[in-house]
Amino acid sequence: MPFVIFHPGPVVMHLSKVPKGQDIHKYDGSGEWVKIYTLGLEIRKELYYPVFWLPENGGQLQLPPRVSP
């Protein structure tokens, strides 16, 4: 699942399961959340500016196997 990032900073993604019996379109997100993805930075001493934000490279997100798209 490709995604586009429009800022040079970290990316953190979370998911929350819609409780049984609730409509996904009416779910307010008040359930439990779990972090599924983190993308941050690398320190690259060979660069003039050694902080290299990984999101600037574009990204691919692989959903955990137990998550249906």
PDB file of N, CA and C in Angstrom:
ATOM      1  N   MET A   1       0.854  -1.170   0.000  1.00  0.00           N
ATOM      2  CA  MET A   1       0.000   0.000   0.000  1.00  0.00           C
ATOM      3  C   MET A   1       0.906   1.241   0.000  1.00  0.00           C
ATOM      4  N   PRO A   2       1.069   1.932  -1.113  1.00  0.00           N
ATOM      5  CA  PRO A   2       1.922   3.127  -1.153  1.00  0.00           C
ATOM      6  C   PRO A   2       1.246   4.301  -0.451  1.00  0.00           C
ATOM      7  N   PHE A   3       2.066   5.166   0.089  1.00  0.00           N
ATOM      8  CA  PHE A   3       1.546   6.387   0.692  1.00  0.00           C
ATOM      9  C   PHE A   3       2.488   7.540   0.378  1.00  0.00           C
ATOM     10  N   VAL A   4       1.977   8.732   0.380  1.00  0.00           N
ATOM     11  CA  VAL A   4       2.756   9.928   0.066  1.00  0.00           C
ATOM     12  C   VAL A   4       2.819  10.786   1.318  1.00  0.00           C
ATOM     13  N   ILE A   5       4.009  11.320   1.594  1.00  0.00           N
ATOM     14  CA  ILE A   5       4.210  12.158   2.770  1.00  0.00           C
ATOM     15  C   ILE A   5       4.609  13.551   2.302  1.00  0.00           C
ATOM     16  N   PHE A   6       3.964  14.551   2.844  1.00  0.00           N
ATOM     17  CA  PHE A   6       4.223  15.924   2.432  1.00  0.00           C
ATOM     18  C   PHE A   6       4.950  16.727   3.497  1.00  0.00           C
ATOM     19  N   HIS A   7       5.651  16.064   4.394  1.00  0.00           N
ATOM     20  CA  HIS A   7       6.446  16.773   5.394  1.00  0.00           C
ATOM     21  C   HIS A   7       7.691  15.948   5.694  1.00  0.00           C
ATOM     22  N   PRO A   8       8.804  16.596   6.043  1.00  0.00           N
ATOM     23  CA  PRO A   8      10.037  15.857   6.319  1.00  0.00           C
ATOM     24  C   PRO A   8      10.147  15.489   7.795  1.00  0.00           C
ATOM     25  N   GLY A   9       9.250  14.689   8.283  1.00  0.00           N
ATOM     26  CA  GLY A   9       9.296  14.307   9.690  1.00  0.00           C
ATOM     27  C   GLY A   9       8.895  12.856   9.856  1.00  0.00           C
ATOM     28  N   PRO A  10       8.805  12.406  11.094  1.00  0.00           N
ATOM     29  CA  PRO A  10       8.484  11.007  11.333  1.00  0.00           C
ATOM     30  C   PRO A  10       7.036  10.671  10.975  1.00  0.00           C
ATOM     31  N   VAL A  11       6.797   9.388  10.736  1.00  0.00           N
ATOM     32  CA  VAL A  11       5.462   8.887  10.432  1.00  0.00           C
ATOM     33  C   VAL A  11       5.153   7.797  11.455  1.00  0.00           C
ATOM     34  N   VAL A  12       3.994   7.879  12.077  1.00  0.00           N
ATOM     35  CA  VAL A  12       3.528   6.854  13.006  1.00  0.00           C
ATOM     36  C   VAL A  12       2.083   6.551  12.632  1.00  0.00           C
ATOM     37  N   MET A  13       1.774   5.278  12.397  1.00  0.00           N
ATOM     38  CA  MET A  13       0.416   4.890  12.005  1.00  0.00           C
ATOM     39  C   MET A  13      -0.180   3.955  13.045  1.00  0.00           C
ATOM     40  N   HIS A  14      -1.459   4.173  13.336  1.00  0.00           N
ATOM     41  CA  HIS A  14      -2.193   3.358  14.300  1.00  0.00           C
ATOM     42  C   HIS A  14      -3.476   2.823  13.661  1.00  0.00           C
ATOM     43  N   LEU A  15      -3.978   1.734  14.200  1.00  0.00           N
ATOM     44  CA  LEU A  15      -5.266   1.178  13.790  1.00  0.00           C
ATOM     45  C   LEU A  15      -6.130   0.953  15.028  1.00  0.00           C
ATOM     46  N   SER A  16      -7.411   1.068  14.833  1.00  0.00           N
ATOM     47  CA  SER A  16      -8.376   0.745  15.881  1.00  0.00           C
ATOM     48  C   SER A  16      -9.466  -0.109  15.255  1.00  0.00           C
ATOM     49  N   LYS A  17      -9.798  -1.202  15.921  1.00  0.00           N
ATOM     50  CA  LYS A  17     -10.825  -2.098  15.406  1.00  0.00           C
ATOM     51  C   LYS A  17     -12.207  -1.549  15.770  1.00  0.00           C
ATOM     52  N   VAL A  18     -13.080  -1.556  14.789  1.00  0.00           N
ATOM     53  CA  VAL A  18     -14.460  -1.139  15.035  1.00  0.00           C
ATOM     54  C   VAL A  18     -15.120  -2.223  15.892  1.00  0.00           C
ATOM     55  N   PRO A  19     -15.674  -1.839  17.038  1.00  0.00           N
ATOM     56  CA  PRO A  19     -16.315  -2.839  17.900  1.00  0.00           C
ATOM     57  C   PRO A  19     -17.448  -3.569  17.183  1.00  0.00           C
ATOM     58  N   LYS A  20     -17.609  -4.828  17.541  1.00  0.00           N
ATOM     59  CA  LYS A  20     -18.661  -5.659  16.962  1.00  0.00           C
ATOM     60  C   LYS A  20     -20.016  -4.984  17.139  1.00  0.00           C
ATOM     61  N   GLY A  21     -20.803  -4.987  16.074  1.00  0.00           N
ATOM     62  CA  GLY A  21     -22.133  -4.411  16.139  1.00  0.00           C
ATOM     63  C   GLY A  21     -22.197  -2.934  15.796  1.00  0.00           C
ATOM     64  N   GLN A  22     -21.017  -2.276  15.653  1.00  0.00           N
ATOM     65  CA  GLN A  22     -21.015  -0.859  15.287  1.00  0.00           C
ATOM     66  C   GLN A  22     -20.756  -0.701  13.801  1.00  0.00           C
ATOM     67  N   ASP A  23     -21.308   0.339  13.216  1.00  0.00           N
ATOM     68  CA  ASP A  23     -21.090   0.670  11.812  1.00  0.00           C
ATOM     69  C   ASP A  23     -19.755   1.400  11.686  1.00  0.00           C
ATOM     70  N   ILE A  24     -18.932   0.968  10.734  1.00  0.00           N
ATOM     71  CA  ILE A  24     -17.617   1.589  10.550  1.00  0.00           C
ATOM     72  C   ILE A  24     -17.729   3.093  10.253  1.00  0.00           C
ATOM     73  N   HIS A  25     -18.793   3.504   9.596  1.00  0.00           N
ATOM     74  CA  HIS A  25     -18.964   4.911   9.237  1.00  0.00           C
ATOM     75  C   HIS A  25     -19.399   5.765  10.423  1.00  0.00           C
ATOM     76  N   LYS A  26     -19.854   5.138  11.487  1.00  0.00           N
ATOM     77  CA  LYS A  26     -20.289   5.878  12.674  1.00  0.00           C
ATOM     78  C   LYS A  26     -19.326   5.698  13.853  1.00  0.00           C
ATOM     79  N   TYR A  27     -18.312   4.859  13.676  1.00  0.00           N
ATOM     80  CA  TYR A  27     -17.341   4.607  14.750  1.00  0.00           C
ATOM     81  C   TYR A  27     -16.565   5.880  15.054  1.00  0.00           C
ATOM     82  N   ASP A  28     -16.527   6.250  16.329  1.00  0.00           N
ATOM     83  CA  ASP A  28     -15.887   7.516  16.728  1.00  0.00           C
ATOM     84  C   ASP A  28     -14.422   7.355  17.130  1.00  0.00           C
ATOM     85  N   GLY A  29     -13.882   6.149  17.048  1.00  0.00           N
ATOM     86  CA  GLY A  29     -12.473   5.942  17.353  1.00  0.00           C
ATOM     87  C   GLY A  29     -12.165   5.840  18.835  1.00  0.00           C
ATOM     88  N   SER A  30     -13.173   5.658  19.668  1.00  0.00           N
ATOM     89  CA  SER A  30     -12.943   5.639  21.111  1.00  0.00           C
ATOM     90  C   SER A  30     -12.467   4.285  21.632  1.00  0.00           C
ATOM     91  N   GLY A  31     -12.290   3.306  20.749  1.00  0.00           N
ATOM     92  CA  GLY A  31     -11.819   1.984  21.169  1.00  0.00           C
ATOM     93  C   GLY A  31     -10.307   1.958  21.368  1.00  0.00           C
ATOM     94  N   GLU A  32      -9.767   0.761  21.497  1.00  0.00           N
ATOM     95  CA  GLU A  32      -8.324   0.600  21.681  1.00  0.00           C
ATOM     96  C   GLU A  32      -7.587   0.817  20.360  1.00  0.00           C
ATOM     97  N   TRP A  33      -6.383   1.369  20.462  1.00  0.00           N
ATOM     98  CA  TRP A  33      -5.549   1.633  19.295  1.00  0.00           C
ATOM     99  C   TRP A  33      -4.246   0.869  19.436  1.00  0.00           C
ATOM    100  N   VAL A  34      -3.680   0.470  18.299  1.00  0.00           N
ATOM    101  CA  VAL A  34      -2.397  -0.219  18.291  1.00  0.00           C
ATOM    102  C   VAL A  34      -1.521   0.413  17.205  1.00  0.00           C
ATOM    103  N   LYS A  35      -0.251   0.628  17.533  1.00  0.00           N
ATOM    104  CA  LYS A  35       0.679   1.192  16.554  1.00  0.00           C
ATOM    105  C   LYS A  35       1.105   0.080  15.604  1.00  0.00           C
ATOM    106  N   ILE A  36       0.979   0.322  14.295  1.00  0.00           N
ATOM    107  CA  ILE A  36       1.337  -0.698  13.308  1.00  0.00           C
ATOM    108  C   ILE A  36       2.556  -0.316  12.471  1.00  0.00           C
ATOM    109  N   TYR A  37       2.990   0.949  12.557  1.00  0.00           N
ATOM    110  CA  TYR A  37       4.073   1.370  11.660  1.00  0.00           C
ATOM    111  C   TYR A  37       4.760   2.617  12.215  1.00  0.00           C
ATOM    112  N   THR A  38       6.073   2.639  12.134  1.00  0.00           N
ATOM    113  CA  THR A  38       6.849   3.811  12.522  1.00  0.00           C
ATOM    114  C   THR A  38       7.953   4.007  11.497  1.00  0.00           C
ATOM    115  N   LEU A  39       8.137   5.220  11.059  1.00  0.00           N
ATOM    116  CA  LEU A  39       9.210   5.553  10.125  1.00  0.00           C
ATOM    117  C   LEU A  39       9.835   6.846  10.618  1.00  0.00           C
ATOM    118  N   GLY A  40      11.108   6.825  10.885  1.00  0.00           N
ATOM    119  CA  GLY A  40      11.750   7.989  11.494  1.00  0.00           C
ATOM    120  C   GLY A  40      12.919   8.522  10.710  1.00  0.00           C
ATOM    121  N   LEU A  41      14.067   8.574  11.356  1.00  0.00           N
ATOM    122  CA  LEU A  41      15.241   9.164  10.729  1.00  0.00           C
ATOM    123  C   LEU A  41      16.442   8.254  10.871  1.00  0.00           C
ATOM    124  N   GLU A  42      17.453   8.566  10.077  1.00  0.00           N
ATOM    125  CA  GLU A  42      18.762   7.924  10.190  1.00  0.00           C
ATOM    126  C   GLU A  42      19.791   9.031  10.338  1.00  0.00           C
ATOM    127  N   ILE A  43      20.839   8.745  11.056  1.00  0.00           N
ATOM    128  CA  ILE A  43      21.968   9.669  11.128  1.00  0.00           C
ATOM    129  C   ILE A  43      22.993   9.177  10.106  1.00  0.00           C
ATOM    130  N   ARG A  44      23.263  10.001   9.108  1.00  0.00           N
ATOM    131  CA  ARG A  44      24.218   9.652   8.051  1.00  0.00           C
ATOM    132  C   ARG A  44      25.354  10.659   8.091  1.00  0.00           C
ATOM    133  N   LYS A  45      26.438  10.262   8.703  1.00  0.00           N
ATOM    134  CA  LYS A  45      27.574  11.166   8.934  1.00  0.00           C
ATOM    135  C   LYS A  45      28.228  11.646   7.642  1.00  0.00           C
ATOM    136  N   GLU A  46      28.023  10.897   6.528  1.00  0.00           N
ATOM    137  CA  GLU A  46      28.649  11.298   5.267  1.00  0.00           C
ATOM    138  C   GLU A  46      27.926  12.476   4.608  1.00  0.00           C
ATOM    139  N   LEU A  47      26.727  12.796   5.063  1.00  0.00           N
ATOM    140  CA  LEU A  47      25.966  13.901   4.489  1.00  0.00           C
ATOM    141  C   LEU A  47      26.329  15.222   5.161  1.00  0.00           C
ATOM    142  N   TYR A  48      26.197  16.304   4.421  1.00  0.00           N
ATOM    143  CA  TYR A  48      26.455  17.631   4.976  1.00  0.00           C
ATOM    144  C   TYR A  48      25.509  17.902   6.139  1.00  0.00           C
ATOM    145  N   TYR A  49      24.224  17.577   5.930  1.00  0.00           N
ATOM    146  CA  TYR A  49      23.239  17.615   7.013  1.00  0.00           C
ATOM    147  C   TYR A  49      22.984  16.157   7.389  1.00  0.00           C
ATOM    148  N   PRO A  50      23.559  15.671   8.488  1.00  0.00           N
ATOM    149  CA  PRO A  50      23.554  14.236   8.778  1.00  0.00           C
ATOM    150  C   PRO A  50      22.210  13.624   9.178  1.00  0.00           C
ATOM    151  N   VAL A  51      21.201  14.446   9.457  1.00  0.00           N
ATOM    152  CA  VAL A  51      19.891  13.887   9.790  1.00  0.00           C
ATOM    153  C   VAL A  51      19.136  13.653   8.485  1.00  0.00           C
ATOM    154  N   PHE A  52      18.843  12.401   8.200  1.00  0.00           N
ATOM    155  CA  PHE A  52      18.191  12.007   6.962  1.00  0.00           C
ATOM    156  C   PHE A  52      16.819  11.468   7.305  1.00  0.00           C
ATOM    157  N   TRP A  53      15.771  12.203   6.925  1.00  0.00           N
ATOM    158  CA  TRP A  53      14.401  11.781   7.227  1.00  0.00           C
ATOM    159  C   TRP A  53      13.971  10.726   6.237  1.00  0.00           C
ATOM    160  N   LEU A  54      13.722   9.529   6.702  1.00  0.00           N
ATOM    161  CA  LEU A  54      13.341   8.408   5.845  1.00  0.00           C
ATOM    162  C   LEU A  54      12.071   8.657   5.047  1.00  0.00           C
ATOM    163  N   PRO A  55      11.066   9.365   5.584  1.00  0.00           N
ATOM    164  CA  PRO A  55       9.856   9.583   4.792  1.00  0.00           C
ATOM    165  C   PRO A  55      10.088  10.287   3.467  1.00  0.00           C
ATOM    166  N   GLU A  56      11.184  11.035   3.336  1.00  0.00           N
ATOM    167  CA  GLU A  56      11.442  11.734   2.078  1.00  0.00           C
ATOM    168  C   GLU A  56      11.719  10.759   0.941  1.00  0.00           C
ATOM    169  N   ASN A  57      11.983   9.504   1.246  1.00  0.00           N
ATOM    170  CA  ASN A  57      12.240   8.500   0.219  1.00  0.00           C
ATOM    171  C   ASN A  57      10.962   7.899  -0.354  1.00  0.00           C
ATOM    172  N   GLY A  58       9.811   8.306   0.121  1.00  0.00           N
ATOM    173  CA  GLY A  58       8.563   7.639  -0.251  1.00  0.00           C
ATOM    174  C   GLY A  58       8.363   6.476   0.703  1.00  0.00           C
ATOM    175  N   GLY A  59       7.284   5.763   0.548  1.00  0.00           N
ATOM    176  CA  GLY A  59       7.083   4.681   1.510  1.00  0.00           C
ATOM    177  C   GLY A  59       6.164   3.600   1.007  1.00  0.00           C
ATOM    178  N   GLN A  60       6.314   2.466   1.599  1.00  0.00           N
ATOM    179  CA  GLN A  60       5.442   1.324   1.365  1.00  0.00           C
ATOM    180  C   GLN A  60       5.026   0.816   2.729  1.00  0.00           C
ATOM    181  N   LEU A  61       3.751   0.575   2.882  1.00  0.00           N
ATOM    182  CA  LEU A  61       3.232   0.064   4.137  1.00  0.00           C
ATOM    183  C   LEU A  61       2.666  -1.324   3.904  1.00  0.00           C
ATOM    184  N   GLN A  62       3.126  -2.290   4.664  1.00  0.00           N
ATOM    185  CA  GLN A  62       2.595  -3.643   4.611  1.00  0.00           C
ATOM    186  C   GLN A  62       1.703  -3.819   5.827  1.00  0.00           C
ATOM    187  N   LEU A  63       0.401  -4.001   5.590  1.00  0.00           N
ATOM    188  CA  LEU A  63      -0.504  -4.213   6.710  1.00  0.00           C
ATOM    189  C   LEU A  63      -0.179  -5.540   7.390  1.00  0.00           C
ATOM    190  N   PRO A  64      -0.300  -5.571   8.714  1.00  0.00           N
ATOM    191  CA  PRO A  64      -0.074  -6.849   9.408  1.00  0.00           C
ATOM    192  C   PRO A  64      -1.022  -7.920   8.845  1.00  0.00           C
ATOM    193  N   PRO A  65      -0.603  -9.183   8.820  1.00  0.00           N
ATOM    194  CA  PRO A  65      -1.394 -10.244   8.199  1.00  0.00           C
ATOM    195  C   PRO A  65      -2.810 -10.397   8.757  1.00  0.00           C
ATOM    196  N   ARG A  66      -3.016 -10.073  10.008  1.00  0.00           N
ATOM    197  CA  ARG A  66      -4.335 -10.247  10.613  1.00  0.00           C
ATOM    198  C   ARG A  66      -5.289  -9.090  10.329  1.00  0.00           C
ATOM    199  N   VAL A  67      -4.836  -8.096   9.575  1.00  0.00           N
ATOM    200  CA  VAL A  67      -5.657  -6.923   9.277  1.00  0.00           C
ATOM    201  C   VAL A  67      -6.206  -7.038   7.867  1.00  0.00           C
ATOM    202  N   SER A  68      -7.499  -6.954   7.744  1.00  0.00           N
ATOM    203  CA  SER A  68      -8.082  -6.979   6.399  1.00  0.00           C
ATOM    204  C   SER A  68      -8.163  -5.551   5.865  1.00  0.00           C
ATOM    205  N   PRO A  69      -7.800  -5.345   4.588  1.00  0.00           N
ATOM    206  CA  PRO A  69      -7.813  -3.982   4.019  1.00  0.00           C
ATOM    207  C   PRO A  69      -9.197  -3.404   3.914  1.00  0.00           C
TER     208      PRO A  69
END
